[in-house]
Amino acid sequence: MIVNRLPVLPMQYICDCPATAGQLLGDLAGLDSDSALRYRLRRYAAPDLLVIDEVGYLSYSNRHADLLFELINRRHEKKSTLITTNKSFSEWSEVFPNASCVVAMIDRLVHHAEIIAIKGESYRRKEAQEHAAARSSKRKAKEAP
């Protein structure tokens, strides 16, 4: 998780933008005019806190990388950005293959950032295993005479 210039904010200052990197980048890439793209970039650059979730779960094109760089660059040293990722920065070239802006994007993200590395078992996986164990116990209890 990358936390860049994170303030304590009431909810109205947090962007109601798409929740995941895929949604955000798909939204930006899907715009068909330069004026619409400029408007949407301004919208995403405006909130005091922008949360971009799940960077690293999918691979993106050079166009997507350029759009994310443009957004990060617009927010750099002005607004707070929180990014969640399952990849270390050294693996971001897998997320954005052949994109020339990856190093510059990472540079802007880590400048003034608090990086929080969370290690451990996936909460969803742990919860699924617990549910499976509970269902198995119920089945065994029904089968017992």
N, C-alpha and C. Protein backbone atom coordinates (compact mmCIF):
# COMPACT_ATOMS: atom_id res chain seq x y z
N MET A 1 0.86 -1.16 0.00
CA MET A 1 0.00 0.00 0.00
C MET A 1 0.90 1.22 0.00
N ILE A 2 0.56 2.18 -0.83
CA ILE A 2 1.31 3.42 -0.91
C ILE A 2 0.39 4.53 -0.43
N VAL A 3 0.83 5.27 0.53
CA VAL A 3 0.05 6.37 1.04
C VAL A 3 0.86 7.63 0.81
N ASN A 4 0.34 8.51 -0.02
CA ASN A 4 1.07 9.71 -0.40
C ASN A 4 0.36 10.92 0.16
N ARG A 5 1.01 11.66 1.08
CA ARG A 5 0.47 12.90 1.66
C ARG A 5 -0.91 12.68 2.26
N LEU A 6 -1.09 11.65 3.04
CA LEU A 6 -2.42 11.27 3.54
C LEU A 6 -2.87 12.16 4.70
N PRO A 7 -3.91 12.96 4.49
CA PRO A 7 -4.47 13.76 5.58
C PRO A 7 -5.63 13.01 6.23
N VAL A 8 -6.12 13.53 7.33
CA VAL A 8 -7.34 13.01 7.94
C VAL A 8 -8.47 13.86 7.37
N LEU A 9 -9.40 13.20 6.66
CA LEU A 9 -10.42 13.94 5.93
C LEU A 9 -11.81 13.43 6.21
N PRO A 10 -12.80 14.34 6.23
CA PRO A 10 -14.18 13.88 6.24
C PRO A 10 -14.49 13.22 4.90
N MET A 11 -15.47 12.35 4.85
CA MET A 11 -15.77 11.57 3.65
C MET A 11 -16.10 12.43 2.43
N GLN A 12 -16.61 13.64 2.58
CA GLN A 12 -17.00 14.41 1.41
C GLN A 12 -15.79 14.88 0.59
N TYR A 13 -14.59 14.77 1.13
CA TYR A 13 -13.40 15.17 0.39
C TYR A 13 -12.72 14.01 -0.31
N ILE A 14 -13.30 12.84 -0.21
CA ILE A 14 -12.74 11.66 -0.84
C ILE A 14 -13.48 11.41 -2.14
N CYS A 15 -12.74 11.09 -3.18
CA CYS A 15 -13.33 10.94 -4.52
C CYS A 15 -14.34 9.80 -4.57
N ASP A 16 -15.44 10.05 -5.27
CA ASP A 16 -16.42 9.00 -5.52
C ASP A 16 -16.13 8.35 -6.88
N CYS A 17 -14.86 8.28 -7.21
CA CYS A 17 -14.40 7.75 -8.49
C CYS A 17 -14.47 6.22 -8.49
N PRO A 18 -14.20 5.61 -9.63
CA PRO A 18 -14.16 4.14 -9.67
C PRO A 18 -13.26 3.58 -8.59
N ALA A 19 -13.59 2.40 -8.11
CA ALA A 19 -12.89 1.82 -6.96
C ALA A 19 -11.57 1.17 -7.32
N THR A 20 -11.44 0.61 -8.50
CA THR A 20 -10.23 -0.13 -8.82
C THR A 20 -9.45 0.54 -9.95
N ALA A 21 -8.17 0.18 -10.04
CA ALA A 21 -7.34 0.71 -11.12
C ALA A 21 -7.92 0.34 -12.48
N GLY A 22 -8.42 -0.89 -12.61
CA GLY A 22 -9.00 -1.32 -13.87
C GLY A 22 -10.19 -0.47 -14.27
N GLN A 23 -11.05 -0.16 -13.32
CA GLN A 23 -12.22 0.68 -13.61
C GLN A 23 -11.80 2.10 -13.97
N LEU A 24 -10.88 2.66 -13.20
CA LEU A 24 -10.43 4.02 -13.44
C LEU A 24 -9.75 4.13 -14.80
N LEU A 25 -8.82 3.22 -15.08
CA LEU A 25 -8.10 3.28 -16.36
C LEU A 25 -9.00 2.95 -17.53
N GLY A 26 -9.95 2.04 -17.34
CA GLY A 26 -10.92 1.75 -18.39
C GLY A 26 -11.78 2.95 -18.70
N ASP A 27 -12.17 3.67 -17.65
CA ASP A 27 -12.96 4.88 -17.82
C ASP A 27 -12.18 5.92 -18.62
N LEU A 28 -10.94 6.16 -18.23
CA LEU A 28 -10.12 7.15 -18.93
C LEU A 28 -9.84 6.74 -20.37
N ALA A 29 -9.48 5.49 -20.58
CA ALA A 29 -9.13 5.02 -21.92
C ALA A 29 -10.34 4.98 -22.85
N GLY A 30 -11.53 4.86 -22.28
CA GLY A 30 -12.74 4.76 -23.09
C GLY A 30 -13.27 6.09 -23.59
N LEU A 31 -12.69 7.18 -23.16
CA LEU A 31 -13.17 8.49 -23.60
C LEU A 31 -12.75 8.74 -25.04
N ASP A 32 -13.65 9.32 -25.82
CA ASP A 32 -13.40 9.43 -27.25
C ASP A 32 -12.95 10.80 -27.73
N SER A 33 -12.79 11.74 -26.82
CA SER A 33 -12.30 13.05 -27.25
C SER A 33 -11.28 13.59 -26.24
N ASP A 34 -10.39 14.43 -26.74
CA ASP A 34 -9.39 15.03 -25.86
C ASP A 34 -10.03 15.90 -24.79
N SER A 35 -11.09 16.61 -25.15
CA SER A 35 -11.73 17.48 -24.17
C SER A 35 -12.39 16.66 -23.06
N ALA A 36 -13.00 15.53 -23.41
CA ALA A 36 -13.60 14.66 -22.39
C ALA A 36 -12.52 14.08 -21.49
N LEU A 37 -11.39 13.70 -22.07
CA LEU A 37 -10.28 13.16 -21.28
C LEU A 37 -9.72 14.22 -20.33
N ARG A 38 -9.51 15.42 -20.83
CA ARG A 38 -9.01 16.50 -19.97
C ARG A 38 -9.97 16.77 -18.81
N TYR A 39 -11.27 16.78 -19.11
CA TYR A 39 -12.28 17.01 -18.07
C TYR A 39 -12.23 15.90 -17.03
N ARG A 40 -12.17 14.65 -17.47
CA ARG A 40 -12.17 13.52 -16.53
C ARG A 40 -10.88 13.50 -15.70
N LEU A 41 -9.74 13.81 -16.32
CA LEU A 41 -8.49 13.88 -15.56
C LEU A 41 -8.57 14.97 -14.49
N ARG A 42 -9.17 16.11 -14.84
CA ARG A 42 -9.36 17.17 -13.83
C ARG A 42 -10.25 16.68 -12.70
N ARG A 43 -11.28 15.94 -13.02
CA ARG A 43 -12.20 15.40 -12.00
C ARG A 43 -11.45 14.46 -11.05
N TYR A 44 -10.63 13.56 -11.61
CA TYR A 44 -9.88 12.62 -10.78
C TYR A 44 -8.74 13.29 -10.03
N ALA A 45 -8.23 14.38 -10.56
CA ALA A 45 -7.13 15.10 -9.90
C ALA A 45 -7.63 16.00 -8.78
N ALA A 46 -8.92 16.30 -8.74
CA ALA A 46 -9.47 17.29 -7.82
C ALA A 46 -9.60 16.86 -6.36
N PRO A 47 -10.04 15.64 -6.03
CA PRO A 47 -10.31 15.34 -4.61
C PRO A 47 -9.04 15.37 -3.76
N ASP A 48 -9.22 15.69 -2.50
CA ASP A 48 -8.09 15.71 -1.57
C ASP A 48 -7.48 14.33 -1.40
N LEU A 49 -8.29 13.29 -1.52
CA LEU A 49 -7.79 11.92 -1.42
C LEU A 49 -8.39 11.09 -2.56
N LEU A 50 -7.53 10.48 -3.34
CA LEU A 50 -7.95 9.57 -4.40
C LEU A 50 -7.43 8.18 -4.03
N VAL A 51 -8.32 7.21 -3.98
CA VAL A 51 -7.95 5.83 -3.68
C VAL A 51 -7.98 5.04 -4.98
N ILE A 52 -6.84 4.44 -5.32
CA ILE A 52 -6.75 3.59 -6.50
C ILE A 52 -6.41 2.19 -6.00
N ASP A 53 -7.38 1.31 -6.10
CA ASP A 53 -7.27 -0.03 -5.53
C ASP A 53 -6.86 -1.04 -6.61
N GLU A 54 -6.15 -2.06 -6.19
CA GLU A 54 -5.83 -3.23 -7.01
C GLU A 54 -4.91 -2.96 -8.19
N VAL A 55 -3.94 -2.08 -8.03
CA VAL A 55 -2.91 -1.92 -9.05
C VAL A 55 -2.03 -3.17 -8.97
N GLY A 56 -1.91 -3.88 -10.04
CA GLY A 56 -1.07 -5.07 -10.05
C GLY A 56 -1.81 -6.36 -10.28
N TYR A 57 -3.12 -6.34 -10.18
CA TYR A 57 -3.89 -7.58 -10.38
C TYR A 57 -4.08 -7.87 -11.87
N LEU A 58 -3.99 -6.84 -12.70
CA LEU A 58 -4.11 -6.98 -14.15
C LEU A 58 -2.91 -6.33 -14.82
N SER A 59 -2.66 -6.68 -16.05
CA SER A 59 -1.65 -6.00 -16.86
C SER A 59 -2.34 -4.93 -17.69
N TYR A 60 -1.63 -3.86 -17.96
CA TYR A 60 -2.21 -2.74 -18.68
C TYR A 60 -1.34 -2.37 -19.87
N SER A 61 -1.96 -1.73 -20.83
CA SER A 61 -1.27 -1.29 -22.05
C SER A 61 -0.46 -0.03 -21.77
N ASN A 62 0.35 0.36 -22.76
CA ASN A 62 1.10 1.61 -22.64
C ASN A 62 0.15 2.80 -22.48
N ARG A 63 -0.97 2.76 -23.16
CA ARG A 63 -1.96 3.84 -23.07
C ARG A 63 -2.46 3.96 -21.62
N HIS A 64 -2.78 2.84 -21.00
CA HIS A 64 -3.23 2.86 -19.61
C HIS A 64 -2.14 3.41 -18.69
N ALA A 65 -0.90 2.98 -18.92
CA ALA A 65 0.22 3.46 -18.11
C ALA A 65 0.39 4.97 -18.27
N ASP A 66 0.28 5.46 -19.50
CA ASP A 66 0.40 6.90 -19.74
C ASP A 66 -0.71 7.67 -19.03
N LEU A 67 -1.92 7.14 -19.05
CA LEU A 67 -3.04 7.80 -18.39
C LEU A 67 -2.85 7.84 -16.87
N LEU A 68 -2.40 6.72 -16.30
CA LEU A 68 -2.16 6.69 -14.86
C LEU A 68 -1.02 7.64 -14.50
N PHE A 69 0.03 7.66 -15.31
CA PHE A 69 1.13 8.60 -15.07
C PHE A 69 0.61 10.03 -15.10
N GLU A 70 -0.20 10.37 -16.09
CA GLU A 70 -0.73 11.72 -16.20
C GLU A 70 -1.53 12.10 -14.96
N LEU A 71 -2.34 11.17 -14.47
CA LEU A 71 -3.13 11.44 -13.26
C LEU A 71 -2.23 11.61 -12.04
N ILE A 72 -1.27 10.70 -11.87
CA ILE A 72 -0.34 10.80 -10.73
C ILE A 72 0.45 12.10 -10.82
N ASN A 73 0.89 12.45 -12.00
CA ASN A 73 1.66 13.67 -12.20
C ASN A 73 0.84 14.91 -11.85
N ARG A 74 -0.42 14.93 -12.21
CA ARG A 74 -1.29 16.07 -11.88
C ARG A 74 -1.50 16.19 -10.36
N ARG A 75 -1.52 15.08 -9.66
CA ARG A 75 -1.77 15.09 -8.22
C ARG A 75 -0.49 15.26 -7.40
N HIS A 76 0.67 14.99 -8.01
CA HIS A 76 1.96 14.99 -7.31
C HIS A 76 2.20 16.31 -6.57
N GLU A 77 2.48 16.21 -5.29
CA GLU A 77 2.76 17.31 -4.38
C GLU A 77 1.59 18.27 -4.18
N LYS A 78 0.39 17.88 -4.63
CA LYS A 78 -0.78 18.73 -4.46
C LYS A 78 -1.88 18.04 -3.67
N LYS A 79 -2.12 16.78 -3.97
CA LYS A 79 -3.22 16.03 -3.36
C LYS A 79 -2.72 14.68 -2.88
N SER A 80 -3.49 14.05 -2.03
CA SER A 80 -3.13 12.74 -1.47
C SER A 80 -3.66 11.62 -2.34
N THR A 81 -2.85 10.59 -2.48
CA THR A 81 -3.22 9.42 -3.28
C THR A 81 -2.89 8.18 -2.48
N LEU A 82 -3.85 7.27 -2.40
CA LEU A 82 -3.64 5.99 -1.73
C LEU A 82 -3.78 4.91 -2.79
N ILE A 83 -2.75 4.09 -2.91
CA ILE A 83 -2.76 3.01 -3.91
C ILE A 83 -2.55 1.70 -3.19
N THR A 84 -3.38 0.71 -3.52
CA THR A 84 -3.14 -0.64 -3.00
C THR A 84 -2.64 -1.49 -4.16
N THR A 85 -1.67 -2.33 -3.86
CA THR A 85 -1.07 -3.18 -4.88
C THR A 85 -0.57 -4.46 -4.24
N ASN A 86 -0.53 -5.51 -5.03
CA ASN A 86 0.03 -6.78 -4.57
C ASN A 86 1.42 -7.00 -5.15
N LYS A 87 1.98 -5.99 -5.78
CA LYS A 87 3.29 -6.10 -6.44
C LYS A 87 4.27 -5.11 -5.81
N SER A 88 5.52 -5.53 -5.74
CA SER A 88 6.56 -4.59 -5.35
C SER A 88 6.85 -3.69 -6.55
N PHE A 89 7.50 -2.57 -6.32
CA PHE A 89 7.79 -1.66 -7.43
C PHE A 89 8.65 -2.32 -8.50
N SER A 90 9.52 -3.23 -8.10
CA SER A 90 10.35 -3.92 -9.09
C SER A 90 9.52 -4.80 -10.02
N GLU A 91 8.30 -5.13 -9.63
CA GLU A 91 7.41 -5.95 -10.46
C GLU A 91 6.42 -5.12 -11.29
N TRP A 92 6.45 -3.81 -11.15
CA TRP A 92 5.50 -2.98 -11.89
C TRP A 92 5.73 -3.02 -13.39
N SER A 93 6.91 -3.44 -13.82
CA SER A 93 7.14 -3.59 -15.26
C SER A 93 6.30 -4.73 -15.83
N GLU A 94 5.87 -5.66 -14.97
CA GLU A 94 4.95 -6.72 -15.40
C GLU A 94 3.52 -6.19 -15.52
N VAL A 95 3.18 -5.24 -14.69
CA VAL A 95 1.86 -4.64 -14.71
C VAL A 95 1.71 -3.71 -15.91
N PHE A 96 2.76 -2.97 -16.19
CA PHE A 96 2.79 -2.03 -17.31
C PHE A 96 3.94 -2.41 -18.25
N PRO A 97 3.83 -3.53 -18.97
CA PRO A 97 4.94 -3.96 -19.82
C PRO A 97 5.19 -2.95 -20.95
N ASN A 98 6.44 -2.72 -21.21
CA ASN A 98 6.87 -1.83 -22.30
C ASN A 98 6.50 -0.37 -22.10
N ALA A 99 6.03 0.01 -20.95
CA ALA A 99 5.67 1.41 -20.71
C ALA A 99 6.91 2.16 -20.24
N SER A 100 7.22 3.24 -20.91
CA SER A 100 8.43 4.00 -20.58
C SER A 100 8.24 4.90 -19.37
N CYS A 101 7.02 5.12 -18.93
CA CYS A 101 6.76 6.07 -17.85
C CYS A 101 6.74 5.42 -16.46
N VAL A 102 6.96 4.12 -16.36
CA VAL A 102 6.82 3.42 -15.08
C VAL A 102 7.78 3.96 -14.02
N VAL A 103 9.03 4.15 -14.37
CA VAL A 103 10.02 4.65 -13.40
C VAL A 103 9.64 6.04 -12.93
N ALA A 104 9.23 6.90 -13.84
CA ALA A 104 8.82 8.26 -13.46
C ALA A 104 7.57 8.24 -12.59
N MET A 105 6.63 7.34 -12.90
CA MET A 105 5.41 7.23 -12.10
C MET A 105 5.75 6.78 -10.68
N ILE A 106 6.58 5.76 -10.55
CA ILE A 106 6.98 5.28 -9.23
C ILE A 106 7.71 6.37 -8.46
N ASP A 107 8.57 7.11 -9.15
CA ASP A 107 9.31 8.21 -8.53
C ASP A 107 8.36 9.22 -7.90
N ARG A 108 7.31 9.58 -8.62
CA ARG A 108 6.34 10.54 -8.09
C ARG A 108 5.52 9.94 -6.95
N LEU A 109 5.20 8.67 -7.07
CA LEU A 109 4.41 8.02 -6.02
C LEU A 109 5.16 7.94 -4.70
N VAL A 110 6.43 7.61 -4.74
CA VAL A 110 7.17 7.40 -3.49
C VAL A 110 7.70 8.70 -2.89
N HIS A 111 7.73 9.77 -3.67
CA HIS A 111 8.18 11.05 -3.17
C HIS A 111 7.18 11.54 -2.12
N HIS A 112 7.60 11.78 -0.92
CA HIS A 112 6.75 12.20 0.20
C HIS A 112 5.75 11.12 0.62
N ALA A 113 6.01 9.87 0.30
CA ALA A 113 5.04 8.81 0.57
C ALA A 113 5.36 8.05 1.84
N GLU A 114 4.35 7.47 2.39
CA GLU A 114 4.48 6.49 3.46
C GLU A 114 4.08 5.16 2.84
N ILE A 115 5.01 4.24 2.77
CA ILE A 115 4.75 2.94 2.17
C ILE A 115 4.52 1.94 3.29
N ILE A 116 3.38 1.29 3.25
CA ILE A 116 3.02 0.32 4.28
C ILE A 116 2.95 -1.05 3.63
N ALA A 117 3.88 -1.90 3.98
CA ALA A 117 3.89 -3.27 3.45
C ALA A 117 3.13 -4.17 4.41
N ILE A 118 2.13 -4.83 3.89
CA ILE A 118 1.32 -5.73 4.71
C ILE A 118 1.64 -7.15 4.28
N LYS A 119 2.15 -7.93 5.18
CA LYS A 119 2.49 -9.32 4.90
C LYS A 119 1.50 -10.20 5.64
N GLY A 120 1.23 -11.34 5.07
CA GLY A 120 0.35 -12.26 5.76
C GLY A 120 -0.63 -12.92 4.82
N GLU A 121 -1.40 -13.79 5.39
CA GLU A 121 -2.39 -14.55 4.64
C GLU A 121 -3.53 -13.64 4.20
N SER A 122 -4.07 -13.92 3.07
CA SER A 122 -5.21 -13.18 2.55
C SER A 122 -6.40 -13.34 3.50
N TYR A 123 -7.04 -12.25 3.84
CA TYR A 123 -8.20 -12.30 4.71
C TYR A 123 -9.34 -13.07 4.05
N ARG A 124 -9.56 -12.83 2.75
CA ARG A 124 -10.63 -13.52 2.05
C ARG A 124 -10.38 -15.02 2.00
N ARG A 125 -9.13 -15.39 1.76
CA ARG A 125 -8.79 -16.82 1.71
C ARG A 125 -9.01 -17.47 3.07
N LYS A 126 -8.56 -16.79 4.12
CA LYS A 126 -8.73 -17.31 5.48
C LYS A 126 -10.21 -17.47 5.81
N GLU A 127 -11.02 -16.46 5.45
CA GLU A 127 -12.45 -16.52 5.70
C GLU A 127 -13.10 -17.67 4.92
N ALA A 128 -12.70 -17.87 3.67
CA ALA A 128 -13.25 -18.96 2.85
C ALA A 128 -12.89 -20.32 3.45
N GLN A 129 -11.67 -20.47 3.95
CA GLN A 129 -11.27 -21.72 4.58
C GLN A 129 -12.08 -21.98 5.84
N GLU A 130 -12.32 -20.94 6.63
CA GLU A 130 -13.12 -21.10 7.84
C GLU A 130 -14.55 -21.50 7.50
N HIS A 131 -15.14 -20.89 6.46
CA HIS A 131 -16.49 -21.25 6.04
C HIS A 131 -16.55 -22.69 5.53
N ALA A 132 -15.52 -23.09 4.77
CA ALA A 132 -15.49 -24.47 4.26
C ALA A 132 -15.38 -25.46 5.41
N ALA A 133 -14.56 -25.15 6.40
CA ALA A 133 -14.42 -26.02 7.56
C ALA A 133 -15.75 -26.11 8.33
N ALA A 134 -16.44 -25.00 8.47
CA ALA A 134 -17.73 -25.00 9.18
C ALA A 134 -18.77 -25.83 8.41
N ARG A 135 -18.81 -25.68 7.10
CA ARG A 135 -19.75 -26.47 6.29
C ARG A 135 -19.43 -27.96 6.38
N SER A 136 -18.14 -28.28 6.36
CA SER A 136 -17.72 -29.68 6.46
C SER A 136 -18.15 -30.27 7.81
N SER A 137 -17.97 -29.50 8.87
CA SER A 137 -18.38 -29.96 10.21
C SER A 137 -19.88 -30.20 10.28
N LYS A 138 -20.67 -29.30 9.65
CA LYS A 138 -22.12 -29.47 9.64
C LYS A 138 -22.52 -30.73 8.88
N ARG A 139 -21.86 -30.97 7.74
CA ARG A 139 -22.16 -32.16 6.95
C ARG A 139 -21.84 -33.43 7.75
N LYS A 140 -20.70 -33.44 8.41
CA LYS A 140 -20.30 -34.61 9.20
C LYS A 140 -21.27 -34.83 10.35
N ALA A 141 -21.73 -33.73 10.95
CA ALA A 141 -22.69 -33.86 12.05
C ALA A 141 -24.01 -34.43 11.57
N LYS A 142 -24.46 -34.08 10.36
CA LYS A 142 -25.70 -34.62 9.81
C LYS A 142 -25.55 -36.09 9.44
N GLU A 143 -24.36 -36.48 8.99
CA GLU A 143 -24.12 -37.85 8.58
C GLU A 143 -23.98 -38.79 9.77
N ALA A 144 -23.57 -38.26 10.91
CA ALA A 144 -23.37 -39.12 12.09
C ALA A 144 -24.72 -39.60 12.60
N PRO A 145 -24.78 -40.90 13.03
CA PRO A 145 -26.05 -41.46 13.52
C PRO A 145 -26.45 -40.94 14.87
